[in-house]
Amino acid sequence: MNFFEAVKNRRSVRSYIDKEVEQEKLDVILQTINAAPSAGNIQGYEVVVVRNADTKTELMNAAYGQPFITQTPVVLVFCANLMLSEGKFKSRGRDLYATQDATIAAAYCQLAATSVGLSTVWVGAFDPDMVAKAIETPENIIPVAMIPIGYAESQPQMRPRRELNDIIRYESWAGKK
């Protein structure tokens, strides 16, 4: 699948079949995450691969009971590495770039998963302290997103999108000519 097909076909899936994700497909996803752009090429993020059922249950509880987290064979937890980014970019690295790096990597993950025939959903609604405890992160590693990965039970329809002229501004908010 080419890039534009992956973008067009990616959906937020919340229902999965009981089928393992092949290691080869997971490796493609992980390599794609590693290729994601980051501030100063620091890669101010860490990714925790979760397959353990008990840990996935802890993540589900941290995510206010979203059940699909335990239905997928793999959950990737994307974390900002605050100290790594702060080392080069000071407070802006710690407060912004590390989170941006982690979320860019998570977006690349979703597109890579789609391109190899898997489905995902972005989980941002969670208690970060509970997630950190479940995956045993050090103090300077902050969970920012979880991406469950698996085979979709069904493919949701594309949801309506805003029109380009509602979201794109040229030159400034006022639209300088």
N, C-alpha and C. Protein backbone atom coordinates (compact mmCIF):
# COMPACT_ATOMS: atom_id res chain seq x y z
N MET A 1 0.85 -1.17 0.00
CA MET A 1 0.00 0.00 0.00
C MET A 1 0.90 1.24 0.00
N ASN A 2 0.58 2.19 -0.87
CA ASN A 2 1.40 3.40 -0.88
C ASN A 2 0.95 4.36 0.22
N PHE A 3 1.73 5.40 0.40
CA PHE A 3 1.50 6.35 1.49
C PHE A 3 0.09 6.94 1.44
N PHE A 4 -0.35 7.39 0.27
CA PHE A 4 -1.65 8.05 0.17
C PHE A 4 -2.79 7.08 0.42
N GLU A 5 -2.63 5.83 0.02
CA GLU A 5 -3.63 4.81 0.35
C GLU A 5 -3.69 4.57 1.85
N ALA A 6 -2.52 4.52 2.49
CA ALA A 6 -2.49 4.33 3.95
C ALA A 6 -3.20 5.47 4.66
N VAL A 7 -2.95 6.70 4.24
CA VAL A 7 -3.62 7.86 4.85
C VAL A 7 -5.13 7.76 4.63
N LYS A 8 -5.53 7.42 3.42
CA LYS A 8 -6.95 7.34 3.09
C LYS A 8 -7.65 6.19 3.83
N ASN A 9 -6.96 5.08 4.04
CA ASN A 9 -7.58 3.89 4.63
C ASN A 9 -7.47 3.79 6.14
N ARG A 10 -6.65 4.62 6.77
CA ARG A 10 -6.50 4.55 8.22
C ARG A 10 -7.80 4.95 8.91
N ARG A 11 -8.19 4.14 9.86
CA ARG A 11 -9.39 4.41 10.65
C ARG A 11 -9.09 4.16 12.12
N SER A 12 -9.88 4.74 12.98
CA SER A 12 -9.80 4.44 14.40
C SER A 12 -10.69 3.24 14.67
N VAL A 13 -10.07 2.11 14.96
CA VAL A 13 -10.78 0.85 15.13
C VAL A 13 -10.84 0.52 16.62
N ARG A 14 -12.03 0.16 17.07
CA ARG A 14 -12.23 -0.14 18.49
C ARG A 14 -12.78 -1.55 18.73
N SER A 15 -12.69 -2.41 17.70
CA SER A 15 -13.14 -3.78 17.84
C SER A 15 -12.23 -4.67 16.99
N TYR A 16 -11.65 -5.68 17.64
CA TYR A 16 -10.61 -6.49 17.00
C TYR A 16 -10.92 -7.97 17.09
N ILE A 17 -10.39 -8.74 16.14
CA ILE A 17 -10.51 -10.20 16.20
C ILE A 17 -9.34 -10.77 17.00
N ASP A 18 -9.51 -12.00 17.42
CA ASP A 18 -8.48 -12.67 18.21
C ASP A 18 -7.46 -13.30 17.26
N LYS A 19 -6.48 -12.50 16.87
CA LYS A 19 -5.43 -12.97 15.96
C LYS A 19 -4.15 -12.24 16.31
N GLU A 20 -3.07 -12.98 16.45
CA GLU A 20 -1.78 -12.39 16.78
C GLU A 20 -1.25 -11.51 15.64
N VAL A 21 -0.50 -10.50 15.99
CA VAL A 21 0.22 -9.68 15.02
C VAL A 21 1.55 -10.37 14.75
N GLU A 22 1.83 -10.62 13.47
CA GLU A 22 3.07 -11.27 13.09
C GLU A 22 4.25 -10.38 13.44
N GLN A 23 5.33 -10.99 13.94
CA GLN A 23 6.52 -10.24 14.33
C GLN A 23 7.08 -9.43 13.17
N GLU A 24 7.01 -9.97 11.95
CA GLU A 24 7.52 -9.25 10.77
C GLU A 24 6.78 -7.93 10.58
N LYS A 25 5.46 -7.96 10.78
CA LYS A 25 4.67 -6.73 10.64
C LYS A 25 5.00 -5.76 11.77
N LEU A 26 5.13 -6.27 12.98
CA LEU A 26 5.48 -5.41 14.09
C LEU A 26 6.86 -4.79 13.86
N ASP A 27 7.79 -5.57 13.32
CA ASP A 27 9.13 -5.03 13.04
C ASP A 27 9.08 -3.89 12.03
N VAL A 28 8.22 -4.01 11.01
CA VAL A 28 8.06 -2.92 10.03
C VAL A 28 7.55 -1.67 10.73
N ILE A 29 6.58 -1.85 11.61
CA ILE A 29 6.03 -0.71 12.35
C ILE A 29 7.10 -0.07 13.22
N LEU A 30 7.86 -0.88 13.94
CA LEU A 30 8.89 -0.34 14.82
C LEU A 30 9.99 0.37 14.04
N GLN A 31 10.35 -0.17 12.89
CA GLN A 31 11.35 0.50 12.05
C GLN A 31 10.82 1.83 11.52
N THR A 32 9.54 1.88 11.21
CA THR A 32 8.93 3.12 10.74
C THR A 32 8.91 4.16 11.85
N ILE A 33 8.60 3.72 13.06
CA ILE A 33 8.64 4.63 14.22
C ILE A 33 10.03 5.23 14.35
N ASN A 34 11.04 4.41 14.20
CA ASN A 34 12.43 4.87 14.32
C ASN A 34 12.81 5.86 13.23
N ALA A 35 12.12 5.80 12.10
CA ALA A 35 12.41 6.71 10.98
C ALA A 35 11.66 8.04 11.08
N ALA A 36 10.76 8.16 12.05
CA ALA A 36 9.96 9.38 12.18
C ALA A 36 10.86 10.59 12.46
N PRO A 37 10.50 11.75 11.90
CA PRO A 37 11.28 12.96 12.19
C PRO A 37 11.11 13.38 13.64
N SER A 38 12.12 14.07 14.14
CA SER A 38 12.07 14.56 15.52
C SER A 38 12.90 15.83 15.62
N ALA A 39 12.64 16.60 16.64
CA ALA A 39 13.35 17.87 16.85
C ALA A 39 14.84 17.60 16.98
N GLY A 40 15.62 18.20 16.11
CA GLY A 40 17.07 18.06 16.16
C GLY A 40 17.55 16.63 15.99
N ASN A 41 16.70 15.76 15.47
CA ASN A 41 16.98 14.33 15.32
C ASN A 41 17.37 13.69 16.66
N ILE A 42 16.86 14.24 17.74
CA ILE A 42 17.14 13.72 19.08
C ILE A 42 16.34 12.45 19.36
N GLN A 43 15.18 12.32 18.73
CA GLN A 43 14.23 11.22 19.01
C GLN A 43 13.93 11.21 20.50
N GLY A 44 13.35 12.29 20.95
CA GLY A 44 13.05 12.48 22.37
C GLY A 44 11.84 11.69 22.83
N TYR A 45 11.80 10.42 22.48
CA TYR A 45 10.69 9.56 22.87
C TYR A 45 11.19 8.15 23.13
N GLU A 46 10.36 7.40 23.82
CA GLU A 46 10.58 5.98 24.07
C GLU A 46 9.27 5.28 23.74
N VAL A 47 9.35 4.03 23.30
CA VAL A 47 8.15 3.25 22.99
C VAL A 47 8.23 1.94 23.76
N VAL A 48 7.16 1.65 24.50
CA VAL A 48 7.09 0.40 25.25
C VAL A 48 6.11 -0.52 24.53
N VAL A 49 6.59 -1.71 24.16
CA VAL A 49 5.77 -2.72 23.50
C VAL A 49 5.15 -3.59 24.58
N VAL A 50 3.83 -3.61 24.63
CA VAL A 50 3.11 -4.36 25.67
C VAL A 50 2.34 -5.50 25.01
N ARG A 51 2.64 -6.72 25.44
CA ARG A 51 1.92 -7.92 25.00
C ARG A 51 1.29 -8.66 26.19
N ASN A 52 1.79 -8.42 27.38
CA ASN A 52 1.34 -9.11 28.57
C ASN A 52 -0.11 -8.75 28.91
N ALA A 53 -0.95 -9.76 29.11
CA ALA A 53 -2.38 -9.54 29.36
C ALA A 53 -2.62 -8.72 30.63
N ASP A 54 -1.87 -9.00 31.68
CA ASP A 54 -2.07 -8.25 32.93
C ASP A 54 -1.71 -6.78 32.76
N THR A 55 -0.63 -6.52 32.03
CA THR A 55 -0.24 -5.12 31.80
C THR A 55 -1.27 -4.42 30.93
N LYS A 56 -1.80 -5.12 29.92
CA LYS A 56 -2.85 -4.51 29.08
C LYS A 56 -4.09 -4.20 29.91
N THR A 57 -4.41 -5.05 30.88
CA THR A 57 -5.54 -4.78 31.76
C THR A 57 -5.28 -3.53 32.60
N GLU A 58 -4.05 -3.37 33.09
CA GLU A 58 -3.69 -2.16 33.82
C GLU A 58 -3.83 -0.93 32.92
N LEU A 59 -3.39 -1.06 31.66
CA LEU A 59 -3.51 0.06 30.72
C LEU A 59 -4.98 0.38 30.44
N MET A 60 -5.81 -0.66 30.30
CA MET A 60 -7.24 -0.44 30.09
C MET A 60 -7.83 0.31 31.28
N ASN A 61 -7.48 -0.10 32.48
CA ASN A 61 -7.99 0.58 33.68
C ASN A 61 -7.50 2.03 33.72
N ALA A 62 -6.25 2.25 33.33
CA ALA A 62 -5.71 3.62 33.29
C ALA A 62 -6.43 4.46 32.24
N ALA A 63 -6.96 3.79 31.21
CA ALA A 63 -7.66 4.48 30.12
C ALA A 63 -9.17 4.48 30.36
N TYR A 64 -9.56 4.51 31.62
CA TYR A 64 -10.96 4.65 32.01
C TYR A 64 -11.83 3.53 31.45
N GLY A 65 -11.26 2.32 31.36
CA GLY A 65 -12.03 1.14 31.01
C GLY A 65 -12.28 0.92 29.53
N GLN A 66 -11.49 1.51 28.66
CA GLN A 66 -11.69 1.30 27.22
C GLN A 66 -11.30 -0.15 26.88
N PRO A 67 -12.28 -1.01 26.61
CA PRO A 67 -12.05 -2.46 26.53
C PRO A 67 -11.19 -2.92 25.35
N PHE A 68 -11.16 -2.19 24.28
CA PHE A 68 -10.39 -2.63 23.11
C PHE A 68 -8.90 -2.72 23.39
N ILE A 69 -8.44 -2.05 24.43
CA ILE A 69 -7.02 -2.10 24.79
C ILE A 69 -6.59 -3.53 25.13
N THR A 70 -7.50 -4.28 25.73
CA THR A 70 -7.17 -5.66 26.07
C THR A 70 -7.51 -6.63 24.94
N GLN A 71 -8.20 -6.17 23.91
CA GLN A 71 -8.57 -7.04 22.79
C GLN A 71 -7.46 -7.17 21.75
N THR A 72 -6.53 -6.25 21.73
CA THR A 72 -5.47 -6.31 20.73
C THR A 72 -4.28 -7.08 21.29
N PRO A 73 -3.54 -7.74 20.41
CA PRO A 73 -2.38 -8.50 20.88
C PRO A 73 -1.20 -7.62 21.29
N VAL A 74 -1.16 -6.38 20.78
CA VAL A 74 -0.04 -5.49 21.05
C VAL A 74 -0.56 -4.09 21.34
N VAL A 75 0.00 -3.47 22.37
CA VAL A 75 -0.26 -2.05 22.63
C VAL A 75 1.11 -1.38 22.70
N LEU A 76 1.27 -0.32 21.92
CA LEU A 76 2.49 0.47 22.00
C LEU A 76 2.18 1.72 22.83
N VAL A 77 3.03 1.96 23.82
CA VAL A 77 2.88 3.15 24.65
C VAL A 77 4.01 4.10 24.28
N PHE A 78 3.63 5.27 23.79
CA PHE A 78 4.58 6.29 23.36
C PHE A 78 4.79 7.27 24.51
N CYS A 79 6.05 7.48 24.84
CA CYS A 79 6.40 8.31 25.98
C CYS A 79 7.37 9.41 25.56
N ALA A 80 7.20 10.56 26.16
CA ALA A 80 8.15 11.66 25.96
C ALA A 80 9.33 11.45 26.90
N ASN A 81 10.54 11.55 26.34
CA ASN A 81 11.75 11.48 27.15
C ASN A 81 12.19 12.92 27.42
N LEU A 82 11.74 13.44 28.55
CA LEU A 82 11.92 14.86 28.85
C LEU A 82 13.38 15.28 28.94
N MET A 83 14.20 14.48 29.57
CA MET A 83 15.59 14.85 29.78
C MET A 83 16.39 14.81 28.49
N LEU A 84 16.07 13.86 27.62
CA LEU A 84 16.78 13.76 26.35
C LEU A 84 16.58 15.03 25.52
N SER A 85 15.33 15.48 25.42
CA SER A 85 15.04 16.69 24.66
C SER A 85 15.52 17.95 25.37
N GLU A 86 15.43 17.96 26.68
CA GLU A 86 15.89 19.12 27.44
C GLU A 86 17.40 19.31 27.30
N GLY A 87 18.12 18.21 27.16
CA GLY A 87 19.57 18.30 27.04
C GLY A 87 20.02 19.19 25.89
N LYS A 88 19.29 19.18 24.80
CA LYS A 88 19.66 20.01 23.65
C LYS A 88 18.86 21.30 23.58
N PHE A 89 17.58 21.24 23.93
CA PHE A 89 16.69 22.37 23.69
C PHE A 89 16.16 23.05 24.95
N LYS A 90 16.74 22.73 26.09
CA LYS A 90 16.36 23.35 27.36
C LYS A 90 14.87 23.14 27.66
N SER A 91 14.20 24.16 28.21
CA SER A 91 12.81 23.99 28.64
C SER A 91 11.86 23.73 27.48
N ARG A 92 12.13 24.32 26.32
CA ARG A 92 11.24 24.08 25.16
C ARG A 92 11.31 22.62 24.73
N GLY A 93 12.48 22.01 24.81
CA GLY A 93 12.61 20.59 24.51
C GLY A 93 11.83 19.74 25.48
N ARG A 94 11.98 20.05 26.78
CA ARG A 94 11.28 19.31 27.83
C ARG A 94 9.77 19.51 27.74
N ASP A 95 9.34 20.76 27.56
CA ASP A 95 7.91 21.08 27.64
C ASP A 95 7.14 20.87 26.34
N LEU A 96 7.83 20.82 25.20
CA LEU A 96 7.12 20.71 23.93
C LEU A 96 7.71 19.65 23.00
N TYR A 97 8.98 19.76 22.68
CA TYR A 97 9.55 18.91 21.63
C TYR A 97 9.48 17.43 21.96
N ALA A 98 9.69 17.05 23.21
CA ALA A 98 9.64 15.62 23.55
C ALA A 98 8.24 15.06 23.29
N THR A 99 7.21 15.82 23.64
CA THR A 99 5.83 15.38 23.38
C THR A 99 5.55 15.35 21.88
N GLN A 100 6.00 16.37 21.16
CA GLN A 100 5.82 16.37 19.71
C GLN A 100 6.52 15.17 19.08
N ASP A 101 7.74 14.89 19.49
CA ASP A 101 8.47 13.75 18.94
C ASP A 101 7.69 12.45 19.16
N ALA A 102 7.17 12.26 20.36
CA ALA A 102 6.42 11.04 20.66
C ALA A 102 5.15 10.94 19.83
N THR A 103 4.46 12.06 19.64
CA THR A 103 3.21 12.01 18.88
C THR A 103 3.46 11.84 17.38
N ILE A 104 4.53 12.41 16.88
CA ILE A 104 4.88 12.17 15.47
C ILE A 104 5.18 10.69 15.27
N ALA A 105 5.95 10.10 16.16
CA ALA A 105 6.26 8.68 16.07
C ALA A 105 4.98 7.84 16.12
N ALA A 106 4.03 8.23 16.97
CA ALA A 106 2.77 7.50 17.07
C ALA A 106 1.96 7.60 15.77
N ALA A 107 1.97 8.77 15.15
CA ALA A 107 1.26 8.93 13.87
C ALA A 107 1.90 8.05 12.79
N TYR A 108 3.23 8.02 12.76
CA TYR A 108 3.92 7.15 11.80
C TYR A 108 3.56 5.69 12.07
N CYS A 109 3.44 5.32 13.33
CA CYS A 109 3.04 3.97 13.72
C CYS A 109 1.69 3.62 13.11
N GLN A 110 0.74 4.51 13.23
CA GLN A 110 -0.60 4.24 12.71
C GLN A 110 -0.58 4.04 11.20
N LEU A 111 0.16 4.87 10.50
CA LEU A 111 0.22 4.74 9.04
C LEU A 111 0.95 3.46 8.63
N ALA A 112 2.00 3.11 9.34
CA ALA A 112 2.73 1.87 9.04
C ALA A 112 1.84 0.67 9.29
N ALA A 113 1.10 0.67 10.41
CA ALA A 113 0.20 -0.43 10.71
C ALA A 113 -0.85 -0.60 9.62
N THR A 114 -1.42 0.51 9.18
CA THR A 114 -2.41 0.46 8.10
C THR A 114 -1.79 -0.12 6.84
N SER A 115 -0.58 0.28 6.53
CA SER A 115 0.06 -0.17 5.28
C SER A 115 0.35 -1.66 5.28
N VAL A 116 0.46 -2.29 6.45
CA VAL A 116 0.70 -3.74 6.49
C VAL A 116 -0.57 -4.51 6.85
N GLY A 117 -1.73 -3.86 6.76
CA GLY A 117 -3.00 -4.55 6.93
C GLY A 117 -3.50 -4.66 8.36
N LEU A 118 -2.94 -3.86 9.26
CA LEU A 118 -3.38 -3.87 10.65
C LEU A 118 -4.18 -2.61 10.96
N SER A 119 -4.83 -2.62 12.10
CA SER A 119 -5.64 -1.48 12.51
C SER A 119 -5.18 -0.98 13.87
N THR A 120 -5.49 0.29 14.12
CA THR A 120 -5.08 0.95 15.36
C THR A 120 -6.16 1.92 15.81
N VAL A 121 -5.97 2.43 16.99
CA VAL A 121 -6.74 3.57 17.47
C VAL A 121 -5.81 4.35 18.40
N TRP A 122 -5.88 5.66 18.32
CA TRP A 122 -5.09 6.53 19.18
C TRP A 122 -5.81 6.65 20.52
N VAL A 123 -5.13 6.32 21.59
CA VAL A 123 -5.70 6.46 22.92
C VAL A 123 -4.93 7.56 23.65
N GLY A 124 -5.63 8.64 23.92
CA GLY A 124 -5.03 9.76 24.64
C GLY A 124 -5.73 10.02 25.97
N ALA A 125 -6.91 9.43 26.12
CA ALA A 125 -7.67 9.60 27.36
C ALA A 125 -7.23 8.54 28.36
N PHE A 126 -6.32 8.92 29.24
CA PHE A 126 -5.84 8.00 30.27
C PHE A 126 -5.19 8.79 31.39
N ASP A 127 -5.06 8.12 32.51
CA ASP A 127 -4.35 8.69 33.65
C ASP A 127 -2.86 8.39 33.45
N PRO A 128 -2.04 9.42 33.17
CA PRO A 128 -0.64 9.17 32.86
C PRO A 128 0.14 8.52 34.01
N ASP A 129 -0.24 8.81 35.25
CA ASP A 129 0.45 8.19 36.38
C ASP A 129 0.17 6.69 36.44
N MET A 130 -1.06 6.29 36.15
CA MET A 130 -1.40 4.87 36.14
C MET A 130 -0.70 4.14 35.00
N VAL A 131 -0.61 4.79 33.83
CA VAL A 131 0.10 4.18 32.71
C VAL A 131 1.58 4.05 33.05
N ALA A 132 2.16 5.09 33.60
CA ALA A 132 3.59 5.06 33.98
C ALA A 132 3.85 3.93 34.97
N LYS A 133 2.95 3.74 35.91
CA LYS A 133 3.11 2.65 36.89
C LYS A 133 3.00 1.30 36.20
N ALA A 134 2.05 1.14 35.29
CA ALA A 134 1.85 -0.14 34.62
C ALA A 134 3.07 -0.56 33.80
N ILE A 135 3.73 0.42 33.17
CA ILE A 135 4.89 0.09 32.33
C ILE A 135 6.21 0.42 33.02
N GLU A 136 6.11 0.84 34.29
CA GLU A 136 7.28 1.05 35.15
C GLU A 136 8.30 2.02 34.55
N THR A 137 7.82 3.21 34.16
CA THR A 137 8.72 4.20 33.57
C THR A 137 9.52 4.93 34.64
N PRO A 138 10.73 5.36 34.27
CA PRO A 138 11.47 6.27 35.15
C PRO A 138 10.74 7.62 35.22
N GLU A 139 11.15 8.44 36.15
CA GLU A 139 10.47 9.72 36.42
C GLU A 139 10.42 10.65 35.21
N ASN A 140 11.46 10.69 34.39
CA ASN A 140 11.51 11.65 33.28
C ASN A 140 10.90 11.11 31.99
N ILE A 141 10.24 9.97 32.06
CA ILE A 141 9.59 9.36 30.89
C ILE A 141 8.08 9.47 31.11
N ILE A 142 7.41 10.25 30.26
CA ILE A 142 6.00 10.57 30.46
C ILE A 142 5.14 9.97 29.34
N PRO A 143 4.19 9.08 29.66
CA PRO A 143 3.30 8.53 28.64
C PRO A 143 2.45 9.63 28.00
N VAL A 144 2.40 9.63 26.65
CA VAL A 144 1.59 10.64 25.95
C VAL A 144 0.54 10.04 25.03
N ALA A 145 0.71 8.79 24.61
CA ALA A 145 -0.28 8.15 23.74
C ALA A 145 -0.11 6.64 23.81
N MET A 146 -1.23 5.94 23.65
CA MET A 146 -1.20 4.49 23.52
C MET A 146 -1.81 4.13 22.18
N ILE A 147 -1.19 3.18 21.48
CA ILE A 147 -1.70 2.73 20.19
C ILE A 147 -1.90 1.21 20.24
N PRO A 148 -3.13 0.74 20.48
CA PRO A 148 -3.41 -0.69 20.35
C PRO A 148 -3.32 -1.08 18.87
N ILE A 149 -2.75 -2.25 18.59
CA ILE A 149 -2.57 -2.70 17.21
C ILE A 149 -3.10 -4.12 17.08
N GLY A 150 -3.92 -4.34 16.05
CA GLY A 150 -4.45 -5.67 15.80
C GLY A 150 -5.19 -5.73 14.49
N TYR A 151 -5.92 -6.82 14.31
CA TYR A 151 -6.73 -7.02 13.11
C TYR A 151 -8.17 -6.59 13.42
N ALA A 152 -8.69 -5.71 12.62
CA ALA A 152 -10.02 -5.16 12.84
C ALA A 152 -11.10 -6.22 12.68
N GLU A 153 -12.09 -6.16 13.55
CA GLU A 153 -13.27 -7.00 13.39
C GLU A 153 -14.08 -6.51 12.18
N SER A 154 -14.15 -5.20 12.02
CA SER A 154 -14.77 -4.59 10.85
C SER A 154 -14.13 -3.22 10.65
N GLN A 155 -14.19 -2.75 9.43
CA GLN A 155 -13.57 -1.48 9.09
C GLN A 155 -14.63 -0.38 9.15
N PRO A 156 -14.49 0.58 10.07
CA PRO A 156 -15.46 1.68 10.14
C PRO A 156 -15.45 2.51 8.85
N GLN A 157 -16.57 3.13 8.57
CA GLN A 157 -16.65 4.05 7.45
C GLN A 157 -15.86 5.31 7.76
N MET A 158 -15.40 5.96 6.72
CA MET A 158 -14.70 7.24 6.92
C MET A 158 -15.68 8.25 7.47
N ARG A 159 -15.24 8.96 8.46
CA ARG A 159 -16.08 10.00 9.06
C ARG A 159 -15.90 11.30 8.29
N PRO A 160 -16.90 12.16 8.32
CA PRO A 160 -16.79 13.43 7.59
C PRO A 160 -15.60 14.26 8.07
N ARG A 161 -15.00 14.95 7.16
CA ARG A 161 -13.86 15.82 7.45
C ARG A 161 -14.27 17.25 7.14
N ARG A 162 -13.62 18.20 7.79
CA ARG A 162 -13.86 19.60 7.48
C ARG A 162 -13.37 19.90 6.07
N GLU A 163 -13.95 20.89 5.46
CA GLU A 163 -13.51 21.34 4.14
C GLU A 163 -12.15 22.04 4.28
N LEU A 164 -11.32 21.93 3.26
CA LEU A 164 -10.00 22.56 3.30
C LEU A 164 -10.09 24.06 3.58
N ASN A 165 -11.06 24.73 2.96
CA ASN A 165 -11.15 26.18 3.18
C ASN A 165 -11.57 26.54 4.60
N ASP A 166 -11.99 25.56 5.39
CA ASP A 166 -12.30 25.80 6.80
C ASP A 166 -11.07 25.66 7.70
N ILE A 167 -10.02 24.98 7.22
CA ILE A 167 -8.86 24.73 8.08
C ILE A 167 -7.55 25.30 7.56
N ILE A 168 -7.50 25.66 6.30
CA ILE A 168 -6.25 26.16 5.71
C ILE A 168 -6.29 27.67 5.63
N ARG A 169 -5.23 28.30 6.09
CA ARG A 169 -5.06 29.75 5.99
C ARG A 169 -3.79 30.02 5.21
N TYR A 170 -3.82 30.96 4.33
CA TYR A 170 -2.63 31.32 3.56
C TYR A 170 -2.05 32.61 4.10
N GLU A 171 -0.79 32.54 4.48
CA GLU A 171 0.00 33.68 4.95
C GLU A 171 -0.33 34.11 6.37
N SER A 172 -1.60 34.19 6.72
CA SER A 172 -1.99 34.59 8.07
C SER A 172 -3.43 34.16 8.30
N TRP A 173 -3.89 34.38 9.52
CA TRP A 173 -5.27 34.02 9.81
C TRP A 173 -6.24 34.83 8.94
N ALA A 174 -5.88 36.07 8.65
CA ALA A 174 -6.74 36.93 7.84
C ALA A 174 -6.64 36.60 6.36
N GLY A 175 -5.66 35.81 5.97
CA GLY A 175 -5.53 35.41 4.57
C GLY A 175 -4.93 36.48 3.69
N LYS A 176 -3.78 37.03 4.07
CA LYS A 176 -3.11 38.03 3.26
C LYS A 176 -2.98 37.56 1.82
N LYS A 177 -3.01 38.49 0.92
CA LYS A 177 -2.87 38.17 -0.51
C LYS A 177 -1.50 38.58 -0.97
